[in-house]
Amino acid sequence: MAQAGTFSLSLILSLSLVACGGGGDSVAPTSVLPTITLPIPASSYAVGSAELAGYTVLQQARALCNFGVLIQDSRLDAASRNHALYLNSISLVSGKSELTHYEEIITDPFYTGYAPWDRTNFTALGTDYGTQVAEILVGTWWNYDLNDPRLVIPTMEQRGTESMRSLLNTVYHLAGAMYDGADVGFGTDLQTVATGATTRHEEFRFGSLNGFQTIRIPLGAGKVATYPCQGSSNIPTEFVPASEIPNPLPSMSTVGPPIYLKVDAGQDLIVTYNSVVSQNGVSVPTTVLTASDPYLDRNEAFVVPTVALSPYTTYQVTLTGTINNVPFSRSFAMSTGL
């Protein structure tokens, strides 16, 4: 629980990811990907909304790091919004802050389907969207006193920005955010109830559904994309693995920001353990997560500093490995915030 007058986003995360396979040719990789210059598509999200803020943060990250920009899909918007309403509804009824990808209480007025793809197909107006969707969720709950002089209630824009930034500073949720489906939808809900004359309890849910109905975004045979990447800034200095469900690093309490690597589905990505994160020539210890992790596919991997990084510092990252047994190397600079 956050303290009165503060707002915490890294309380608990929950992930469900469904992806399908693809193909790729074994060719010599390029060390630098061409810059993706596609503009970020306009959306219908309201100015100042959490949805627009989250959409902007995600699109900027994907465009900068060559994962490709996404197209707003109103069916995914509706499915995300319905699930946010459901989660807050059952939380307020039970008195427990619930965060799950699955809807089991069919009598709840906001129930629209058990799994993310069920809820997406419910909003697709007769068109089967299929199971190719990746859902990422974050939930916050907050008790506060209106008379507390320290009280600062965040705007919806601030909530959306920080929610998406927190999701990008994870392992499995980051992989979901960089899913190769070209469609995206956002949904949020905020419910505040009085717990006393001046005290309040708040439940906020933020969700994004990534999927594809028509196209997928290819990186290209032998090409690897990373997040963070060259030019990434204001990257958080640390990540608490226990804040993510499932916990990607249960033996560690606090680590640095995870670095995600991905090639197209159907290719084999192997990252070597001599990949380096350094500052002024001093290396930071790291660990590598690969397809041996049950929640990662063979075309993706993570390099994770095993200690928190320093704030407002530029780090040099050198990543090495193979794509379909062909060596690759990627180097870039990223800078941290708080």
Protein backbone atom coordinates (compact mmCIF):
# COMPACT_ATOMS: atom_id res chain seq x y z
CA MET A 1 0.00 0.00 0.00
CA ALA A 2 1.30 3.47 -0.80
CA GLN A 3 1.74 6.02 1.93
CA ALA A 4 -0.75 8.89 2.16
CA GLY A 5 0.14 11.60 -0.31
CA THR A 6 2.18 9.30 -2.52
CA PHE A 7 1.37 7.23 -5.59
CA SER A 8 2.95 3.85 -6.28
CA LEU A 9 2.74 1.94 -9.54
CA SER A 10 5.04 -1.00 -8.90
CA LEU A 11 2.74 -2.88 -6.54
CA ILE A 12 1.84 -5.89 -8.65
CA LEU A 13 1.84 -6.81 -12.31
CA SER A 14 0.25 -9.74 -14.09
CA LEU A 15 0.92 -11.13 -17.54
CA SER A 16 -0.69 -13.29 -20.19
CA LEU A 17 1.00 -13.66 -23.54
CA VAL A 18 -0.08 -15.61 -26.59
CA ALA A 19 1.96 -15.49 -29.76
CA CYS A 20 2.18 -17.54 -32.92
CA GLY A 21 5.21 -18.75 -34.81
CA GLY A 22 6.67 -17.48 -38.01
CA GLY A 23 9.51 -18.11 -40.40
CA GLY A 24 12.88 -16.58 -41.09
CA ASP A 25 15.86 -17.18 -43.35
CA SER A 26 19.36 -17.69 -41.99
CA VAL A 27 21.33 -14.77 -43.41
CA ALA A 28 24.17 -12.63 -42.15
CA PRO A 29 22.78 -10.10 -39.67
CA THR A 30 23.38 -6.39 -39.86
CA SER A 31 24.91 -4.72 -36.82
CA VAL A 32 22.67 -1.65 -37.09
CA LEU A 33 18.99 -1.67 -37.97
CA PRO A 34 17.71 0.99 -40.37
CA THR A 35 15.85 3.76 -38.59
CA ILE A 36 12.07 3.37 -38.72
CA THR A 37 10.76 6.77 -39.74
CA LEU A 38 7.05 5.94 -39.76
CA PRO A 39 5.12 8.63 -37.91
CA ILE A 40 3.17 7.62 -34.85
CA PRO A 41 -0.44 7.27 -36.03
CA ALA A 42 -3.01 9.61 -34.57
CA SER A 43 -5.49 8.10 -32.14
CA SER A 44 -8.96 8.92 -30.87
CA TYR A 45 -7.95 8.84 -27.20
CA ALA A 46 -8.98 11.96 -25.31
CA VAL A 47 -6.39 14.62 -24.59
CA GLY A 48 -5.19 14.23 -20.99
CA SER A 49 -6.42 10.64 -20.74
CA ALA A 50 -4.44 7.75 -19.32
CA GLU A 51 -5.04 5.89 -22.57
CA LEU A 52 -3.42 8.58 -24.72
CA ALA A 53 -0.50 8.89 -22.32
CA GLY A 54 0.16 5.14 -22.34
CA TYR A 55 -0.28 4.97 -26.12
CA THR A 56 2.26 7.76 -26.61
CA VAL A 57 4.89 6.23 -24.32
CA LEU A 58 4.58 2.81 -25.97
CA GLN A 59 4.60 4.15 -29.52
CA GLN A 60 7.64 6.33 -28.90
CA ALA A 61 9.55 3.41 -27.41
CA ARG A 62 8.63 1.07 -30.26
CA ALA A 63 9.45 3.63 -32.96
CA LEU A 64 12.79 4.61 -31.43
CA CYS A 65 13.89 1.00 -30.97
CA ASN A 66 12.70 -0.29 -34.37
CA PHE A 67 9.91 -2.57 -33.19
CA GLY A 68 7.46 -0.70 -35.43
CA VAL A 69 4.53 1.55 -34.56
CA LEU A 70 1.04 0.22 -33.90
CA ILE A 71 -2.47 1.08 -35.08
CA GLN A 72 -5.30 1.77 -32.65
CA ASP A 73 -8.06 -0.87 -32.80
CA SER A 74 -11.37 0.08 -31.20
CA ARG A 75 -12.17 -3.59 -30.50
CA LEU A 76 -9.02 -3.92 -28.42
CA ASP A 77 -9.84 -0.62 -26.72
CA ALA A 78 -13.26 -1.92 -25.74
CA ALA A 79 -11.92 -5.26 -24.51
CA SER A 80 -9.26 -3.53 -22.40
CA ARG A 81 -11.76 -1.08 -20.95
CA ASN A 82 -14.25 -3.86 -20.14
CA HIS A 83 -11.61 -5.81 -18.27
CA ALA A 84 -10.48 -2.75 -16.29
CA LEU A 85 -14.11 -2.21 -15.24
CA TYR A 86 -14.42 -5.88 -14.26
CA LEU A 87 -11.23 -5.84 -12.17
CA ASN A 88 -12.27 -2.76 -10.24
CA SER A 89 -15.79 -4.09 -9.79
CA ILE A 90 -14.73 -7.39 -8.21
CA SER A 91 -12.06 -5.60 -6.14
CA LEU A 92 -14.58 -3.23 -4.60
CA VAL A 93 -17.03 -6.07 -3.91
CA SER A 94 -14.44 -8.40 -2.34
CA GLY A 95 -12.42 -5.75 -0.54
CA LYS A 96 -9.27 -7.21 -2.10
CA SER A 97 -7.34 -5.53 -4.90
CA GLU A 98 -7.61 -8.06 -7.73
CA LEU A 99 -5.37 -8.20 -10.79
CA THR A 100 -5.77 -11.12 -13.17
CA HIS A 101 -6.11 -11.85 -16.86
CA TYR A 102 -9.08 -14.14 -16.31
CA GLU A 103 -12.69 -13.33 -15.56
CA GLU A 104 -14.33 -16.04 -13.48
CA ILE A 105 -17.31 -14.27 -11.90
CA ILE A 106 -19.85 -14.46 -14.71
CA THR A 107 -22.50 -12.74 -12.59
CA ASP A 108 -20.45 -9.54 -12.40
CA PRO A 109 -22.11 -6.84 -14.54
CA PHE A 110 -18.83 -6.18 -16.36
CA TYR A 111 -18.04 -9.81 -17.26
CA THR A 112 -17.36 -10.20 -21.01
CA GLY A 113 -15.37 -13.43 -21.28
CA TYR A 114 -12.88 -15.63 -19.47
CA ALA A 115 -9.57 -15.01 -21.29
CA PRO A 116 -8.19 -11.96 -23.14
CA TRP A 117 -9.08 -13.46 -26.53
CA ASP A 118 -12.60 -14.27 -25.34
CA ARG A 119 -13.10 -10.66 -24.33
CA THR A 120 -11.58 -9.43 -27.58
CA ASN A 121 -13.88 -11.62 -29.66
CA PHE A 122 -16.83 -10.40 -27.58
CA THR A 123 -16.12 -6.83 -28.72
CA ALA A 124 -15.29 -7.78 -32.33
CA LEU A 125 -18.94 -7.60 -33.44
CA GLY A 126 -19.03 -10.99 -35.09
CA THR A 127 -15.45 -10.98 -36.39
CA ASP A 128 -13.25 -13.65 -34.84
CA TYR A 129 -10.11 -11.88 -33.67
CA GLY A 130 -8.51 -15.21 -32.80
CA THR A 131 -6.16 -15.89 -29.91
CA GLN A 132 -3.29 -13.76 -31.18
CA VAL A 133 -3.29 -11.11 -28.50
CA ALA A 134 -0.85 -10.13 -25.76
CA GLU A 135 -2.34 -8.49 -22.69
CA ILE A 136 -0.29 -6.49 -20.19
CA LEU A 137 -1.84 -5.08 -17.03
CA VAL A 138 -0.88 -2.91 -14.10
CA GLY A 139 -2.97 -2.14 -11.04
CA THR A 140 -2.58 0.39 -8.24
CA TRP A 141 -4.51 0.81 -5.02
CA TRP A 142 -4.18 3.74 -2.68
CA ASN A 143 -5.55 4.92 0.67
CA TYR A 144 -5.28 8.60 1.44
CA ASP A 145 -6.64 11.40 3.62
CA LEU A 146 -8.03 14.49 1.95
CA ASN A 147 -6.75 16.60 4.86
CA ASP A 148 -3.15 15.43 4.49
CA PRO A 149 -1.12 18.54 3.48
CA ARG A 150 1.24 16.31 1.48
CA LEU A 151 -1.56 14.98 -0.69
CA VAL A 152 -1.00 15.30 -4.42
CA ILE A 153 -3.46 13.33 -6.54
CA PRO A 154 -1.94 12.37 -9.91
CA THR A 155 -3.72 13.28 -13.12
CA MET A 156 -4.98 10.59 -15.48
CA GLU A 157 -2.22 11.56 -17.90
CA GLN A 158 0.39 11.00 -15.18
CA ARG A 159 -1.18 7.67 -14.30
CA GLY A 160 -1.06 6.47 -17.91
CA THR A 161 2.49 7.64 -18.43
CA GLU A 162 3.82 5.98 -15.29
CA SER A 163 1.79 2.81 -15.86
CA MET A 164 3.31 2.24 -19.30
CA ARG A 165 6.78 3.20 -18.11
CA SER A 166 6.49 0.65 -15.32
CA LEU A 167 5.38 -2.04 -17.79
CA LEU A 168 8.38 -1.30 -20.02
CA ASN A 169 10.66 -1.77 -17.01
CA THR A 170 9.86 -5.49 -16.62
CA VAL A 171 10.66 -8.79 -18.28
CA TYR A 172 7.54 -10.59 -19.48
CA HIS A 173 5.43 -7.43 -19.76
CA LEU A 174 8.11 -5.74 -21.84
CA ALA A 175 8.08 -8.72 -24.19
CA GLY A 176 4.30 -8.35 -24.46
CA ALA A 177 4.60 -4.62 -25.17
CA MET A 178 6.97 -5.36 -28.06
CA TYR A 179 4.72 -8.07 -29.54
CA ASP A 180 4.78 -8.07 -33.35
CA GLY A 181 1.03 -7.69 -33.83
CA ALA A 182 0.26 -4.39 -35.52
CA ASP A 183 -2.90 -3.54 -33.56
CA VAL A 184 -3.25 -2.08 -30.07
CA GLY A 185 -5.96 -1.02 -27.66
CA PHE A 186 -5.89 0.65 -24.25
CA GLY A 187 -8.39 0.65 -21.43
CA THR A 188 -8.35 2.17 -17.96
CA ASP A 189 -10.70 2.63 -15.04
CA LEU A 190 -10.42 4.62 -11.82
CA GLN A 191 -12.78 4.07 -8.90
CA THR A 192 -12.61 6.07 -5.65
CA VAL A 193 -14.75 5.24 -2.62
CA ALA A 194 -15.12 7.01 0.74
CA THR A 195 -13.79 5.05 3.71
CA GLY A 196 -14.47 7.84 6.22
CA ALA A 197 -15.37 11.48 6.44
CA THR A 198 -12.12 12.54 4.75
CA THR A 199 -10.43 9.24 3.83
CA ARG A 200 -10.63 7.58 0.45
CA HIS A 201 -9.69 4.24 -1.13
CA GLU A 202 -8.76 4.18 -4.80
CA GLU A 203 -8.53 1.37 -7.34
CA PHE A 204 -6.90 2.06 -10.72
CA ARG A 205 -6.47 -0.44 -13.55
CA PHE A 206 -4.51 0.11 -16.75
CA GLY A 207 -4.33 -2.43 -19.54
CA SER A 208 -3.07 -2.76 -23.10
CA LEU A 209 -3.99 -5.42 -25.63
CA ASN A 210 -1.59 -5.96 -28.51
CA GLY A 211 -2.63 -8.23 -31.35
CA PHE A 212 -3.02 -8.65 -35.04
CA GLN A 213 -6.05 -9.16 -37.21
CA THR A 214 -4.45 -8.42 -40.57
CA ILE A 215 -0.67 -7.88 -40.38
CA ARG A 216 2.37 -8.53 -38.25
CA ILE A 217 5.43 -6.29 -38.06
CA PRO A 218 8.58 -8.08 -39.28
CA LEU A 219 12.07 -7.08 -38.21
CA GLY A 220 13.64 -8.94 -41.13
CA ALA A 221 15.71 -12.09 -41.34
CA GLY A 222 18.87 -11.89 -39.23
CA LYS A 223 17.94 -8.57 -37.61
CA VAL A 224 17.64 -7.97 -33.89
CA ALA A 225 15.80 -5.18 -32.10
CA THR A 226 16.40 -4.18 -28.48
CA TYR A 227 14.70 -2.14 -25.79
CA PRO A 228 16.21 0.03 -24.44
CA CYS A 229 18.19 1.03 -27.52
CA GLN A 230 20.40 3.82 -28.84
CA GLY A 231 18.99 7.10 -27.58
CA SER A 232 16.71 5.65 -24.90
CA SER A 233 16.59 8.06 -21.98
CA ASN A 234 15.01 8.38 -18.54
CA ILE A 235 15.31 4.60 -18.11
CA PRO A 236 14.53 3.54 -14.51
CA THR A 237 17.58 2.62 -12.46
CA GLU A 238 16.12 -0.54 -10.92
CA PHE A 239 13.51 -3.27 -11.24
CA VAL A 240 12.05 -5.37 -8.42
CA PRO A 241 11.39 -8.85 -9.91
CA ALA A 242 8.83 -9.72 -7.21
CA SER A 243 6.59 -6.91 -8.49
CA GLU A 244 5.97 -8.94 -11.65
CA ILE A 245 3.83 -12.06 -11.86
CA PRO A 246 5.29 -14.49 -12.71
CA ASN A 247 8.54 -13.46 -11.02
CA PRO A 248 11.30 -13.68 -13.66
CA LEU A 249 14.19 -13.66 -11.16
CA PRO A 250 12.94 -15.14 -7.88
CA SER A 251 16.42 -15.37 -6.36
CA MET A 252 17.04 -11.62 -6.69
CA SER A 253 15.40 -8.77 -4.79
CA THR A 254 16.47 -5.73 -6.83
CA VAL A 255 18.16 -5.62 -10.23
CA GLY A 256 18.81 -3.07 -12.95
CA PRO A 257 16.47 -2.33 -15.88
CA PRO A 258 15.96 -5.40 -18.09
CA ILE A 259 17.28 -5.18 -21.67
CA TYR A 260 15.12 -7.05 -24.19
CA LEU A 261 16.37 -8.58 -27.45
CA LYS A 262 14.11 -9.98 -30.14
CA VAL A 263 14.36 -11.43 -33.64
CA ASP A 264 11.50 -12.56 -35.84
CA ALA A 265 9.55 -15.65 -34.76
CA GLY A 266 11.02 -18.84 -36.20
CA GLN A 267 14.63 -17.73 -35.77
CA ASP A 268 16.90 -18.87 -32.94
CA LEU A 269 18.40 -16.12 -30.80
CA ILE A 270 21.27 -16.92 -28.45
CA VAL A 271 22.82 -14.18 -26.31
CA THR A 272 26.25 -14.74 -24.83
CA TYR A 273 27.08 -14.15 -21.20
CA ASN A 274 29.92 -11.78 -22.13
CA SER A 275 27.40 -9.14 -23.17
CA VAL A 276 28.39 -5.99 -21.31
CA VAL A 277 26.67 -3.05 -19.61
CA SER A 278 29.34 -0.52 -18.59
CA GLN A 279 29.90 3.05 -17.46
CA ASN A 280 33.26 4.76 -18.04
CA GLY A 281 34.76 1.38 -18.80
CA VAL A 282 33.52 -0.25 -15.58
CA SER A 283 31.26 -3.24 -16.25
CA VAL A 284 28.06 -3.93 -14.36
CA PRO A 285 27.37 -7.61 -13.55
CA THR A 286 24.56 -9.08 -15.61
CA THR A 287 22.54 -12.25 -16.04
CA VAL A 288 20.92 -13.60 -19.19
CA LEU A 289 17.40 -14.97 -19.63
CA THR A 290 16.86 -17.14 -22.71
CA ALA A 291 14.36 -19.59 -24.15
CA SER A 292 15.13 -21.93 -21.26
CA ASP A 293 12.80 -19.62 -19.35
CA PRO A 294 9.30 -21.14 -19.73
CA TYR A 295 7.75 -17.76 -20.60
CA LEU A 296 10.22 -16.76 -23.33
CA ASP A 297 10.36 -18.02 -26.90
CA ARG A 298 13.48 -19.02 -28.78
CA ASN A 299 13.49 -15.73 -30.70
CA GLU A 300 13.86 -13.53 -27.61
CA ALA A 301 16.19 -13.01 -24.66
CA PHE A 302 17.01 -10.58 -21.85
CA VAL A 303 20.23 -9.20 -20.45
CA VAL A 304 19.57 -7.94 -16.91
CA PRO A 305 22.03 -6.02 -14.71
CA THR A 306 22.07 -7.81 -11.35
CA VAL A 307 22.50 -4.52 -9.46
CA ALA A 308 20.65 -1.23 -9.69
CA LEU A 309 22.17 1.37 -12.01
CA SER A 310 23.10 4.91 -11.04
CA PRO A 311 20.59 7.72 -11.70
CA TYR A 312 21.12 10.25 -14.50
CA THR A 313 24.01 8.26 -15.95
CA THR A 314 24.83 7.15 -19.49
CA TYR A 315 25.66 3.47 -19.94
CA GLN A 316 27.23 1.73 -22.90
CA VAL A 317 25.64 -1.60 -23.80
CA THR A 318 27.30 -4.23 -25.99
CA LEU A 319 25.24 -7.31 -26.83
CA THR A 320 26.67 -10.34 -28.59
CA GLY A 321 25.36 -13.72 -29.66
CA THR A 322 24.02 -15.57 -32.67
CA ILE A 323 20.91 -15.57 -34.83
CA ASN A 324 20.42 -18.97 -36.43
CA ASN A 325 24.07 -19.67 -35.55
CA VAL A 326 25.29 -16.50 -37.33
CA PRO A 327 27.17 -14.11 -34.99
CA PHE A 328 25.82 -10.64 -34.27
CA SER A 329 26.92 -7.70 -32.15
CA ARG A 330 24.93 -4.62 -31.14
CA SER A 331 26.25 -1.60 -29.24
CA PHE A 332 24.33 1.43 -28.03
CA ALA A 333 24.21 4.06 -25.31
CA MET A 334 21.26 4.58 -22.99
CA SER A 335 20.76 7.00 -20.11
CA THR A 336 18.95 6.52 -16.82
CA GLY A 337 16.61 8.78 -14.91
CA LEU A 338 15.48 7.98 -11.38
